[in-house]
Full PDB file with SEQRES, HELIX, SHEET, SSBOND, CRYST1, ORIGX, SCALE, CONECT and MASTER records, all heavy atoms in Angstrom:
SEQRES   1 A   39  LEU ASN VAL ASN PHE LYS GLU THR LYS LEU GLN GLY ARG          
SEQRES   2 A   39  ALA ASP LEU THR LEU ASN PRO ARG SER GLN GLU THR THR          
SEQRES   3 A   39  GLN LEU VAL LEU ASP SER ARG ASP LEU SER ILE THR SER          
SHEET    1 AA1 2 ASN A   2  ASN A   4  0                                        
SHEET    2 AA1 2 LYS A   9  GLN A  11 -1                                        
CRYST1    1.000    1.000    1.000  90.00  90.00  90.00 P 1           1          
ORIGX1      1.000000  0.000000  0.000000        0.00000                         
ORIGX2      0.000000  1.000000  0.000000        0.00000                         
ORIGX3      0.000000  0.000000  1.000000        0.00000                         
SCALE1      1.000000  0.000000  0.000000        0.00000                         
SCALE2      0.000000  1.000000  0.000000        0.00000                         
SCALE3      0.000000  0.000000  1.000000        0.00000                         
ATOM      1  N   LEU A   1      -9.128  -6.520   3.006  1.00  0.00           N  
ATOM      2  CA  LEU A   1      -9.793  -5.256   3.259  1.00  0.00           C  
ATOM      3  C   LEU A   1     -11.179  -5.453   3.873  1.00  0.00           C  
ATOM      4  O   LEU A   1     -11.901  -6.398   3.528  1.00  0.00           O  
ATOM      5  CB  LEU A   1      -9.941  -4.462   1.952  1.00  0.00           C  
ATOM      6  CG  LEU A   1      -8.650  -4.050   1.237  1.00  0.00           C  
ATOM      7  CD1 LEU A   1      -8.976  -3.434  -0.111  1.00  0.00           C  
ATOM      8  CD2 LEU A   1      -7.828  -3.096   2.089  1.00  0.00           C  
ATOM      9  N   ASN A   2     -11.512  -4.529   4.732  1.00  0.00           N  
ATOM     10  CA  ASN A   2     -12.851  -4.438   5.295  1.00  0.00           C  
ATOM     11  C   ASN A   2     -13.575  -3.268   4.624  1.00  0.00           C  
ATOM     12  O   ASN A   2     -13.029  -2.165   4.501  1.00  0.00           O  
ATOM     13  CB  ASN A   2     -12.793  -4.207   6.805  1.00  0.00           C  
ATOM     14  CG  ASN A   2     -14.171  -3.993   7.399  1.00  0.00           C  
ATOM     15  OD1 ASN A   2     -15.034  -4.857   7.320  1.00  0.00           O  
ATOM     16  ND2 ASN A   2     -14.382  -2.816   7.998  1.00  0.00           N  
ATOM     17  N   VAL A   3     -14.795  -3.517   4.176  1.00  0.00           N  
ATOM     18  CA  VAL A   3     -15.602  -2.471   3.545  1.00  0.00           C  
ATOM     19  C   VAL A   3     -16.442  -1.814   4.640  1.00  0.00           C  
ATOM     20  O   VAL A   3     -17.394  -2.407   5.143  1.00  0.00           O  
ATOM     21  CB  VAL A   3     -16.484  -3.048   2.435  1.00  0.00           C  
ATOM     22  CG1 VAL A   3     -17.340  -1.948   1.807  1.00  0.00           C  
ATOM     23  CG2 VAL A   3     -15.626  -3.729   1.364  1.00  0.00           C  
ATOM     24  N   ASN A   4     -16.077  -0.590   4.984  1.00  0.00           N  
ATOM     25  CA  ASN A   4     -16.723   0.123   6.087  1.00  0.00           C  
ATOM     26  C   ASN A   4     -17.703   1.145   5.514  1.00  0.00           C  
ATOM     27  O   ASN A   4     -17.320   2.261   5.141  1.00  0.00           O  
ATOM     28  CB  ASN A   4     -15.665   0.812   6.957  1.00  0.00           C  
ATOM     29  CG  ASN A   4     -16.242   1.413   8.223  1.00  0.00           C  
ATOM     30  OD1 ASN A   4     -17.403   1.823   8.257  1.00  0.00           O  
ATOM     31  ND2 ASN A   4     -15.425   1.494   9.266  1.00  0.00           N  
ATOM     32  N   PHE A   5     -18.962   0.759   5.436  1.00  0.00           N  
ATOM     33  CA  PHE A   5     -19.962   1.658   4.863  1.00  0.00           C  
ATOM     34  C   PHE A   5     -20.237   2.849   5.780  1.00  0.00           C  
ATOM     35  O   PHE A   5     -20.570   3.930   5.295  1.00  0.00           O  
ATOM     36  CB  PHE A   5     -21.265   0.902   4.584  1.00  0.00           C  
ATOM     37  CG  PHE A   5     -21.249   0.133   3.291  1.00  0.00           C  
ATOM     38  CD1 PHE A   5     -21.011  -1.238   3.289  1.00  0.00           C  
ATOM     39  CD2 PHE A   5     -21.455   0.766   2.078  1.00  0.00           C  
ATOM     40  CE1 PHE A   5     -20.992  -1.955   2.107  1.00  0.00           C  
ATOM     41  CE2 PHE A   5     -21.437   0.067   0.890  1.00  0.00           C  
ATOM     42  CZ  PHE A   5     -21.200  -1.303   0.899  1.00  0.00           C  
ATOM     43  N   LYS A   6     -20.101   2.649   7.078  1.00  0.00           N  
ATOM     44  CA  LYS A   6     -20.379   3.744   8.009  1.00  0.00           C  
ATOM     45  C   LYS A   6     -19.416   4.892   7.801  1.00  0.00           C  
ATOM     46  O   LYS A   6     -19.813   6.070   7.774  1.00  0.00           O  
ATOM     47  CB  LYS A   6     -20.306   3.240   9.451  1.00  0.00           C  
ATOM     48  CG  LYS A   6     -20.666   4.294  10.488  1.00  0.00           C  
ATOM     49  CD  LYS A   6     -20.639   3.715  11.890  1.00  0.00           C  
ATOM     50  CE  LYS A   6     -21.003   4.776  12.925  1.00  0.00           C  
ATOM     51  NZ  LYS A   6     -20.978   4.240  14.312  1.00  0.00           N  
ATOM     52  N   GLU A   7     -18.130   4.572   7.626  1.00  0.00           N  
ATOM     53  CA  GLU A   7     -17.111   5.604   7.434  1.00  0.00           C  
ATOM     54  C   GLU A   7     -16.798   5.841   5.957  1.00  0.00           C  
ATOM     55  O   GLU A   7     -15.989   6.710   5.633  1.00  0.00           O  
ATOM     56  CB  GLU A   7     -15.830   5.230   8.184  1.00  0.00           C  
ATOM     57  CG  GLU A   7     -16.007   5.151   9.699  1.00  0.00           C  
ATOM     58  CD  GLU A   7     -14.690   4.901  10.413  1.00  0.00           C  
ATOM     59  OE1 GLU A   7     -13.623   5.248   9.852  1.00  0.00           O  
ATOM     60  OE2 GLU A   7     -14.726   4.349  11.537  1.00  0.00           O  
ATOM     61  N   THR A   8     -17.416   5.083   5.075  1.00  0.00           N  
ATOM     62  CA  THR A   8     -17.143   5.103   3.626  1.00  0.00           C  
ATOM     63  C   THR A   8     -15.647   5.011   3.350  1.00  0.00           C  
ATOM     64  O   THR A   8     -15.061   5.850   2.657  1.00  0.00           O  
ATOM     65  CB  THR A   8     -17.763   6.337   2.926  1.00  0.00           C  
ATOM     66  OG1 THR A   8     -17.231   7.542   3.491  1.00  0.00           O  
ATOM     67  CG2 THR A   8     -19.267   6.336   3.048  1.00  0.00           C  
ATOM     68  N   LYS A   9     -15.057   3.939   3.869  1.00  0.00           N  
ATOM     69  CA  LYS A   9     -13.628   3.698   3.689  1.00  0.00           C  
ATOM     70  C   LYS A   9     -13.380   2.207   3.492  1.00  0.00           C  
ATOM     71  O   LYS A   9     -14.123   1.362   4.004  1.00  0.00           O  
ATOM     72  CB  LYS A   9     -12.835   4.155   4.914  1.00  0.00           C  
ATOM     73  CG  LYS A   9     -12.833   5.653   5.174  1.00  0.00           C  
ATOM     74  CD  LYS A   9     -12.026   5.978   6.431  1.00  0.00           C  
ATOM     75  CE  LYS A   9     -11.982   7.484   6.693  1.00  0.00           C  
ATOM     76  NZ  LYS A   9     -11.197   7.790   7.910  1.00  0.00           N  
ATOM     77  N   LEU A  10     -12.316   1.902   2.762  1.00  0.00           N  
ATOM     78  CA  LEU A  10     -11.728   0.566   2.755  1.00  0.00           C  
ATOM     79  C   LEU A  10     -10.587   0.582   3.763  1.00  0.00           C  
ATOM     80  O   LEU A  10      -9.745   1.496   3.738  1.00  0.00           O  
ATOM     81  CB  LEU A  10     -11.206   0.195   1.371  1.00  0.00           C  
ATOM     82  CG  LEU A  10     -12.221   0.134   0.232  1.00  0.00           C  
ATOM     83  CD1 LEU A  10     -11.522  -0.233  -1.070  1.00  0.00           C  
ATOM     84  CD2 LEU A  10     -13.334  -0.860   0.528  1.00  0.00           C  
ATOM     85  N   GLN A  11     -10.527  -0.432   4.608  1.00  0.00           N  
ATOM     86  CA  GLN A  11      -9.518  -0.466   5.672  1.00  0.00           C  
ATOM     87  C   GLN A  11      -8.877  -1.841   5.713  1.00  0.00           C  
ATOM     88  O   GLN A  11      -9.585  -2.861   5.651  1.00  0.00           O  
ATOM     89  CB  GLN A  11     -10.178  -0.168   7.035  1.00  0.00           C  
ATOM     90  CG  GLN A  11     -10.833   1.209   7.098  1.00  0.00           C  
ATOM     91  CD  GLN A  11     -11.762   1.377   8.268  1.00  0.00           C  
ATOM     92  OE1 GLN A  11     -12.496   0.454   8.616  1.00  0.00           O  
ATOM     93  NE2 GLN A  11     -11.755   2.552   8.898  1.00  0.00           N  
ATOM     94  N   GLY A  12      -7.561  -1.891   5.804  1.00  0.00           N  
ATOM     95  CA  GLY A  12      -6.905  -3.184   5.888  1.00  0.00           C  
ATOM     96  C   GLY A  12      -5.473  -3.154   5.423  1.00  0.00           C  
ATOM     97  O   GLY A  12      -4.708  -2.251   5.776  1.00  0.00           O  
ATOM     98  N   ARG A  13      -5.135  -4.107   4.558  1.00  0.00           N  
ATOM     99  CA  ARG A  13      -3.725  -4.340   4.244  1.00  0.00           C  
ATOM    100  C   ARG A  13      -3.554  -4.709   2.779  1.00  0.00           C  
ATOM    101  O   ARG A  13      -4.393  -5.407   2.188  1.00  0.00           O  
ATOM    102  CB  ARG A  13      -3.217  -5.500   5.117  1.00  0.00           C  
ATOM    103  CG  ARG A  13      -1.717  -5.712   5.108  1.00  0.00           C  
ATOM    104  CD  ARG A  13      -1.312  -6.913   5.945  1.00  0.00           C  
ATOM    105  NE  ARG A  13      -1.569  -8.171   5.234  1.00  0.00           N  
ATOM    106  CZ  ARG A  13      -2.500  -9.052   5.567  1.00  0.00           C  
ATOM    107  NH1 ARG A  13      -3.304  -8.821   6.605  1.00  0.00           N  
ATOM    108  NH2 ARG A  13      -2.656 -10.162   4.867  1.00  0.00           N  
ATOM    109  N   ALA A  14      -2.469  -4.238   2.206  1.00  0.00           N  
ATOM    110  CA  ALA A  14      -2.040  -4.658   0.869  1.00  0.00           C  
ATOM    111  C   ALA A  14      -0.675  -5.311   0.981  1.00  0.00           C  
ATOM    112  O   ALA A  14       0.265  -4.696   1.505  1.00  0.00           O  
ATOM    113  CB  ALA A  14      -1.981  -3.463  -0.081  1.00  0.00           C  
ATOM    114  N   ASP A  15      -0.563  -6.557   0.539  1.00  0.00           N  
ATOM    115  CA  ASP A  15       0.709  -7.281   0.540  1.00  0.00           C  
ATOM    116  C   ASP A  15       1.261  -7.261  -0.880  1.00  0.00           C  
ATOM    117  O   ASP A  15       0.633  -7.800  -1.800  1.00  0.00           O  
ATOM    118  CB  ASP A  15       0.518  -8.726   0.997  1.00  0.00           C  
ATOM    119  CG  ASP A  15      -0.010  -8.820   2.419  1.00  0.00           C  
ATOM    120  OD1 ASP A  15       0.266  -7.902   3.209  1.00  0.00           O  
ATOM    121  OD2 ASP A  15      -0.689  -9.830   2.740  1.00  0.00           O  
ATOM    122  N   LEU A  16       2.429  -6.649  -1.049  1.00  0.00           N  
ATOM    123  CA  LEU A  16       3.027  -6.470  -2.371  1.00  0.00           C  
ATOM    124  C   LEU A  16       4.223  -7.399  -2.535  1.00  0.00           C  
ATOM    125  O   LEU A  16       5.166  -7.359  -1.739  1.00  0.00           O  
ATOM    126  CB  LEU A  16       3.479  -5.013  -2.556  1.00  0.00           C  
ATOM    127  CG  LEU A  16       2.425  -3.974  -2.956  1.00  0.00           C  
ATOM    128  CD1 LEU A  16       1.247  -3.938  -1.999  1.00  0.00           C  
ATOM    129  CD2 LEU A  16       3.053  -2.607  -3.082  1.00  0.00           C  
ATOM    130  N   THR A  17       4.161  -8.253  -3.549  1.00  0.00           N  
ATOM    131  CA  THR A  17       5.275  -9.145  -3.872  1.00  0.00           C  
ATOM    132  C   THR A  17       6.214  -8.427  -4.833  1.00  0.00           C  
ATOM    133  O   THR A  17       5.775  -7.880  -5.848  1.00  0.00           O  
ATOM    134  CB  THR A  17       4.759 -10.448  -4.509  1.00  0.00           C  
ATOM    135  OG1 THR A  17       3.837 -11.076  -3.602  1.00  0.00           O  
ATOM    136  CG2 THR A  17       5.907 -11.391  -4.790  1.00  0.00           C  
ATOM    137  N   LEU A  18       7.525  -8.433  -4.497  1.00  0.00           N  
ATOM    138  CA  LEU A  18       8.488  -7.600  -5.218  1.00  0.00           C  
ATOM    139  C   LEU A  18       9.404  -8.419  -6.118  1.00  0.00           C  
ATOM    140  O   LEU A  18       9.704  -9.588  -5.847  1.00  0.00           O  
ATOM    141  CB  LEU A  18       9.347  -6.809  -4.220  1.00  0.00           C  
ATOM    142  CG  LEU A  18       8.612  -5.988  -3.166  1.00  0.00           C  
ATOM    143  CD1 LEU A  18       9.614  -5.192  -2.329  1.00  0.00           C  
ATOM    144  CD2 LEU A  18       7.579  -5.073  -3.812  1.00  0.00           C  
ATOM    145  N   ASN A  19       9.856  -7.761  -7.165  1.00  0.00           N  
ATOM    146  CA  ASN A  19      10.901  -8.303  -8.032  1.00  0.00           C  
ATOM    147  C   ASN A  19      11.909  -7.198  -8.295  1.00  0.00           C  
ATOM    148  O   ASN A  19      11.718  -6.379  -9.199  1.00  0.00           O  
ATOM    149  CB  ASN A  19      10.311  -8.812  -9.354  1.00  0.00           C  
ATOM    150  CG  ASN A  19      11.384  -9.359 -10.290  1.00  0.00           C  
ATOM    151  OD1 ASN A  19      12.517  -9.629  -9.878  1.00  0.00           O  
ATOM    152  ND2 ASN A  19      11.035  -9.502 -11.560  1.00  0.00           N  
ATOM    153  N   PRO A  20      12.997  -7.130  -7.495  1.00  0.00           N  
ATOM    154  CA  PRO A  20      13.991  -6.073  -7.716  1.00  0.00           C  
ATOM    155  C   PRO A  20      14.727  -6.296  -9.025  1.00  0.00           C  
ATOM    156  O   PRO A  20      15.092  -7.420  -9.367  1.00  0.00           O  
ATOM    157  CB  PRO A  20      14.925  -6.230  -6.510  1.00  0.00           C  
ATOM    158  CG  PRO A  20      14.744  -7.631  -6.058  1.00  0.00           C  
ATOM    159  CD  PRO A  20      13.337  -8.011  -6.368  1.00  0.00           C  
ATOM    160  N   ARG A  21      14.907  -5.219  -9.780  1.00  0.00           N  
ATOM    161  CA  ARG A  21      15.584  -5.315 -11.076  1.00  0.00           C  
ATOM    162  C   ARG A  21      17.079  -5.037 -10.954  1.00  0.00           C  
ATOM    163  O   ARG A  21      17.807  -5.160 -11.928  1.00  0.00           O  
ATOM    164  CB  ARG A  21      14.953  -4.320 -12.047  1.00  0.00           C  
ATOM    165  CG  ARG A  21      13.449  -4.523 -12.232  1.00  0.00           C  
ATOM    166  CD  ARG A  21      13.139  -5.840 -12.885  1.00  0.00           C  
ATOM    167  NE  ARG A  21      11.715  -6.144 -12.943  1.00  0.00           N  
ATOM    168  CZ  ARG A  21      10.881  -5.758 -13.896  1.00  0.00           C  
ATOM    169  NH1 ARG A  21      11.307  -4.983 -14.869  1.00  0.00           N  
ATOM    170  NH2 ARG A  21       9.621  -6.126 -13.869  1.00  0.00           N  
ATOM    171  N   SER A  22      17.503  -4.614  -9.738  1.00  0.00           N  
ATOM    172  CA  SER A  22      18.924  -4.318  -9.512  1.00  0.00           C  
ATOM    173  C   SER A  22      19.249  -4.556  -8.050  1.00  0.00           C  
ATOM    174  O   SER A  22      18.458  -4.224  -7.165  1.00  0.00           O  
ATOM    175  CB  SER A  22      19.225  -2.858  -9.889  1.00  0.00           C  
ATOM    176  OG  SER A  22      20.504  -2.480  -9.409  1.00  0.00           O  
ATOM    177  N   GLN A  23      20.395  -5.135  -7.786  1.00  0.00           N  
ATOM    178  CA  GLN A  23      20.820  -5.373  -6.404  1.00  0.00           C  
ATOM    179  C   GLN A  23      21.112  -4.071  -5.667  1.00  0.00           C  
ATOM    180  O   GLN A  23      21.140  -4.035  -4.437  1.00  0.00           O  
ATOM    181  CB  GLN A  23      22.056  -6.280  -6.376  1.00  0.00           C  
ATOM    182  CG  GLN A  23      21.771  -7.720  -6.760  1.00  0.00           C  
ATOM    183  CD  GLN A  23      20.731  -8.374  -5.872  1.00  0.00           C  
ATOM    184  OE1 GLN A  23      20.802  -8.272  -4.641  1.00  0.00           O  
ATOM    185  NE2 GLN A  23      19.748  -9.037  -6.479  1.00  0.00           N  
ATOM    186  N   GLU A  24      21.330  -2.989  -6.413  1.00  0.00           N  
ATOM    187  CA  GLU A  24      21.604  -1.698  -5.783  1.00  0.00           C  
ATOM    188  C   GLU A  24      20.324  -0.978  -5.366  1.00  0.00           C  
ATOM    189  O   GLU A  24      20.361   0.089  -4.771  1.00  0.00           O  
ATOM    190  CB  GLU A  24      22.393  -0.787  -6.734  1.00  0.00           C  
ATOM    191  CG  GLU A  24      23.853  -1.195  -6.933  1.00  0.00           C  
ATOM    192  CD  GLU A  24      24.014  -2.454  -7.760  1.00  0.00           C  
ATOM    193  OE1 GLU A  24      23.328  -2.575  -8.810  1.00  0.00           O  
ATOM    194  OE2 GLU A  24      24.790  -3.336  -7.345  1.00  0.00           O  
ATOM    195  N   THR A  25      19.172  -1.565  -5.677  1.00  0.00           N  
ATOM    196  CA  THR A  25      17.909  -0.930  -5.367  1.00  0.00           C  
ATOM    197  C   THR A  25      17.713  -0.821  -3.857  1.00  0.00           C  
ATOM    198  O   THR A  25      17.854  -1.803  -3.129  1.00  0.00           O  
ATOM    199  CB  THR A  25      16.749  -1.723  -5.982  1.00  0.00           C  
ATOM    200  OG1 THR A  25      16.905  -1.737  -7.394  1.00  0.00           O  
ATOM    201  CG2 THR A  25      15.415  -1.087  -5.632  1.00  0.00           C  
ATOM    202  N   THR A  26      17.392   0.371  -3.389  1.00  0.00           N  
ATOM    203  CA  THR A  26      17.186   0.589  -1.944  1.00  0.00           C  
ATOM    204  C   THR A  26      15.791   1.100  -1.627  1.00  0.00           C  
ATOM    205  O   THR A  26      15.424   1.184  -0.454  1.00  0.00           O  
ATOM    206  CB  THR A  26      18.205   1.608  -1.407  1.00  0.00           C  
ATOM    207  OG1 THR A  26      18.034   2.869  -2.096  1.00  0.00           O  
ATOM    208  CG2 THR A  26      19.631   1.114  -1.605  1.00  0.00           C  
ATOM    209  N   GLN A  27      14.998   1.443  -2.659  1.00  0.00           N  
ATOM    210  CA  GLN A  27      13.691   2.039  -2.418  1.00  0.00           C  
ATOM    211  C   GLN A  27      12.628   1.419  -3.328  1.00  0.00           C  
ATOM    212  O   GLN A  27      12.910   1.031  -4.465  1.00  0.00           O  
ATOM    213  CB  GLN A  27      13.722   3.552  -2.684  1.00  0.00           C  
ATOM    214  CG  GLN A  27      14.631   4.339  -1.762  1.00  0.00           C  
ATOM    215  CD  GLN A  27      14.632   5.813  -2.110  1.00  0.00           C  
ATOM    216  OE1 GLN A  27      14.416   6.196  -3.269  1.00  0.00           O  
ATOM    217  NE2 GLN A  27      14.867   6.671  -1.121  1.00  0.00           N  
ATOM    218  N   LEU A  28      11.435   1.335  -2.790  1.00  0.00           N  
ATOM    219  CA  LEU A  28      10.261   0.986  -3.568  1.00  0.00           C  
ATOM    220  C   LEU A  28       9.399   2.246  -3.658  1.00  0.00           C  
ATOM    221  O   LEU A  28       9.008   2.801  -2.633  1.00  0.00           O  
ATOM    222  CB  LEU A  28       9.472  -0.134  -2.885  1.00  0.00           C  
ATOM    223  CG  LEU A  28       8.094  -0.459  -3.482  1.00  0.00           C  
ATOM    224  CD1 LEU A  28       8.228  -1.009  -4.901  1.00  0.00           C  
ATOM    225  CD2 LEU A  28       7.345  -1.458  -2.588  1.00  0.00           C  
ATOM    226  N   VAL A  29       9.136   2.699  -4.879  1.00  0.00           N  
ATOM    227  CA  VAL A  29       8.344   3.907  -5.073  1.00  0.00           C  
ATOM    228  C   VAL A  29       6.978   3.521  -5.643  1.00  0.00           C  
ATOM    229  O   VAL A  29       6.879   2.862  -6.686  1.00  0.00           O  
ATOM    230  CB  VAL A  29       9.043   4.908  -6.025  1.00  0.00           C  
ATOM    231  CG1 VAL A  29       8.218   6.183  -6.135  1.00  0.00           C  
ATOM    232  CG2 VAL A  29      10.445   5.210  -5.529  1.00  0.00           C  
ATOM    233  N   LEU A  30       5.936   3.935  -4.919  1.00  0.00           N  
ATOM    234  CA  LEU A  30       4.561   3.623  -5.301  1.00  0.00           C  
ATOM    235  C   LEU A  30       3.773   4.904  -5.521  1.00  0.00           C  
ATOM    236  O   LEU A  30       4.215   5.992  -5.149  1.00  0.00           O  
ATOM    237  CB  LEU A  30       3.879   2.803  -4.202  1.00  0.00           C  
ATOM    238  CG  LEU A  30       4.555   1.507  -3.768  1.00  0.00           C  
ATOM    239  CD1 LEU A  30       3.835   0.918  -2.562  1.00  0.00           C  
ATOM    240  CD2 LEU A  30       4.599   0.496  -4.912  1.00  0.00           C  
ATOM    241  N   ASP A  31       2.597   4.746  -6.098  1.00  0.00           N  
ATOM    242  CA  ASP A  31       1.654   5.852  -6.227  1.00  0.00           C  
ATOM    243  C   ASP A  31       0.645   5.793  -5.086  1.00  0.00           C  
ATOM    244  O   ASP A  31       0.227   4.704  -4.652  1.00  0.00           O  
ATOM    245  CB  ASP A  31       0.901   5.762  -7.563  1.00  0.00           C  
ATOM    246  CG  ASP A  31       1.805   6.030  -8.748  1.00  0.00           C  
ATOM    247  OD1 ASP A  31       2.331   7.158  -8.829  1.00  0.00           O  
ATOM    248  OD2 ASP A  31       1.989   5.118  -9.577  1.00  0.00           O  
ATOM    249  N   SER A  32       0.246   6.966  -4.620  1.00  0.00           N  
ATOM    250  CA  SER A  32      -0.702   7.067  -3.515  1.00  0.00           C  
ATOM    251  C   SER A  32      -1.505   8.342  -3.697  1.00  0.00           C  
ATOM    252  O   SER A  32      -0.974   9.354  -4.156  1.00  0.00           O  
ATOM    253  CB  SER A  32       0.048   7.092  -2.182  1.00  0.00           C  
ATOM    254  OG  SER A  32      -0.808   7.401  -1.104  1.00  0.00           O  
ATOM    255  N   ARG A  33      -2.778   8.282  -3.327  1.00  0.00           N  
ATOM    256  CA  ARG A  33      -3.586   9.500  -3.346  1.00  0.00           C  
ATOM    257  C   ARG A  33      -4.563   9.480  -2.177  1.00  0.00           C  
ATOM    258  O   ARG A  33      -5.488   8.650  -2.143  1.00  0.00           O  
ATOM    259  CB  ARG A  33      -4.351   9.627  -4.662  1.00  0.00           C  
ATOM    260  CG  ARG A  33      -5.173  10.924  -4.733  1.00  0.00           C  
ATOM    261  CD  ARG A  33      -5.847  11.101  -6.062  1.00  0.00           C  
ATOM    262  NE  ARG A  33      -6.669  12.301  -6.058  1.00  0.00           N  
ATOM    263  CZ  ARG A  33      -7.471  12.670  -7.036  1.00  0.00           C  
ATOM    264  NH1 ARG A  33      -7.544  11.940  -8.126  1.00  0.00           N  
ATOM    265  NH2 ARG A  33      -8.185  13.765  -6.945  1.00  0.00           N  
ATOM    266  N   ASP A  34      -4.324  10.356  -1.221  1.00  0.00           N  
ATOM    267  CA  ASP A  34      -5.208  10.503  -0.057  1.00  0.00           C  
ATOM    268  C   ASP A  34      -5.332   9.222   0.755  1.00  0.00           C  
ATOM    269  O   ASP A  34      -6.361   8.981   1.397  1.00  0.00           O  
ATOM    270  CB  ASP A  34      -6.600  10.981  -0.491  1.00  0.00           C  
ATOM    271  CG  ASP A  34      -6.564  12.329  -1.189  1.00  0.00           C  
ATOM    272  OD1 ASP A  34      -5.705  13.148  -0.827  1.00  0.00           O  
ATOM    273  OD2 ASP A  34      -7.383  12.558  -2.101  1.00  0.00           O  
ATOM    274  N   LEU A  35      -4.294   8.374   0.756  1.00  0.00           N  
ATOM    275  CA  LEU A  35      -4.288   7.169   1.576  1.00  0.00           C  
ATOM    276  C   LEU A  35      -3.665   7.480   2.938  1.00  0.00           C  
ATOM    277  O   LEU A  35      -2.694   8.223   3.019  1.00  0.00           O  
ATOM    278  CB  LEU A  35      -3.498   6.045   0.909  1.00  0.00           C  
ATOM    279  CG  LEU A  35      -4.000   5.537  -0.448  1.00  0.00           C  
ATOM    280  CD1 LEU A  35      -3.054   4.483  -0.998  1.00  0.00           C  
ATOM    281  CD2 LEU A  35      -5.418   4.986  -0.343  1.00  0.00           C  
ATOM    282  N   SER A  36      -4.216   6.883   3.980  1.00  0.00           N  
ATOM    283  CA  SER A  36      -3.622   7.000   5.318  1.00  0.00           C  
ATOM    284  C   SER A  36      -2.846   5.724   5.608  1.00  0.00           C  
ATOM    285  O   SER A  36      -3.444   4.641   5.733  1.00  0.00           O  
ATOM    286  CB  SER A  36      -4.722   7.198   6.374  1.00  0.00           C  
ATOM    287  OG  SER A  36      -5.395   8.421   6.177  1.00  0.00           O  
ATOM    288  N   ILE A  37      -1.535   5.841   5.673  1.00  0.00           N  
ATOM    289  CA  ILE A  37      -0.659   4.685   5.887  1.00  0.00           C  
ATOM    290  C   ILE A  37      -0.406   4.531   7.380  1.00  0.00           C  
ATOM    291  O   ILE A  37       0.005   5.480   8.050  1.00  0.00           O  
ATOM    292  CB  ILE A  37       0.680   4.849   5.139  1.00  0.00           C  
ATOM    293  CG1 ILE A  37       0.443   5.229   3.669  1.00  0.00           C  
ATOM    294  CG2 ILE A  37       1.513   3.578   5.258  1.00  0.00           C  
ATOM    295  CD1 ILE A  37      -0.300   4.210   2.860  1.00  0.00           C  
ATOM    296  N   THR A  38      -0.635   3.320   7.896  1.00  0.00           N  
ATOM    297  CA  THR A  38      -0.410   3.054   9.320  1.00  0.00           C  
ATOM    298  C   THR A  38       0.964   2.459   9.572  1.00  0.00           C  
ATOM    299  O   THR A  38       1.679   2.857  10.502  1.00  0.00           O  
ATOM    300  CB  THR A  38      -1.482   2.100   9.860  1.00  0.00           C  
ATOM    301  OG1 THR A  38      -2.774   2.657   9.615  1.00  0.00           O  
ATOM    302  CG2 THR A  38      -1.307   1.872  11.360  1.00  0.00           C  
ATOM    303  N   SER A  39       1.357   1.486   8.745  1.00  0.00           N  
ATOM    304  CA  SER A  39       2.655   0.847   8.926  1.00  0.00           C  
ATOM    305  C   SER A  39       3.071   0.144   7.642  1.00  0.00           C  
ATOM    306  O   SER A  39       2.219  -0.195   6.807  1.00  0.00           O  
ATOM    307  CB  SER A  39       2.622  -0.169  10.073  1.00  0.00           C  
ATOM    308  OG  SER A  39       1.821  -1.290   9.734  1.00  0.00           O  
TER     309      SER A  39                                                      
MASTER        0    0    0    0    2    0    0    6  308    1    0    3          
END                                                                             
């Protein structure tokens, strides 16, 4: 993450390591609040 004081934002990337509990799992559900997702 880059700490952008001018825009008062954190900008960058989160890399999440996964452990699926079932082979039938097709979705990862996360919590988000007012985040702008780029990709």
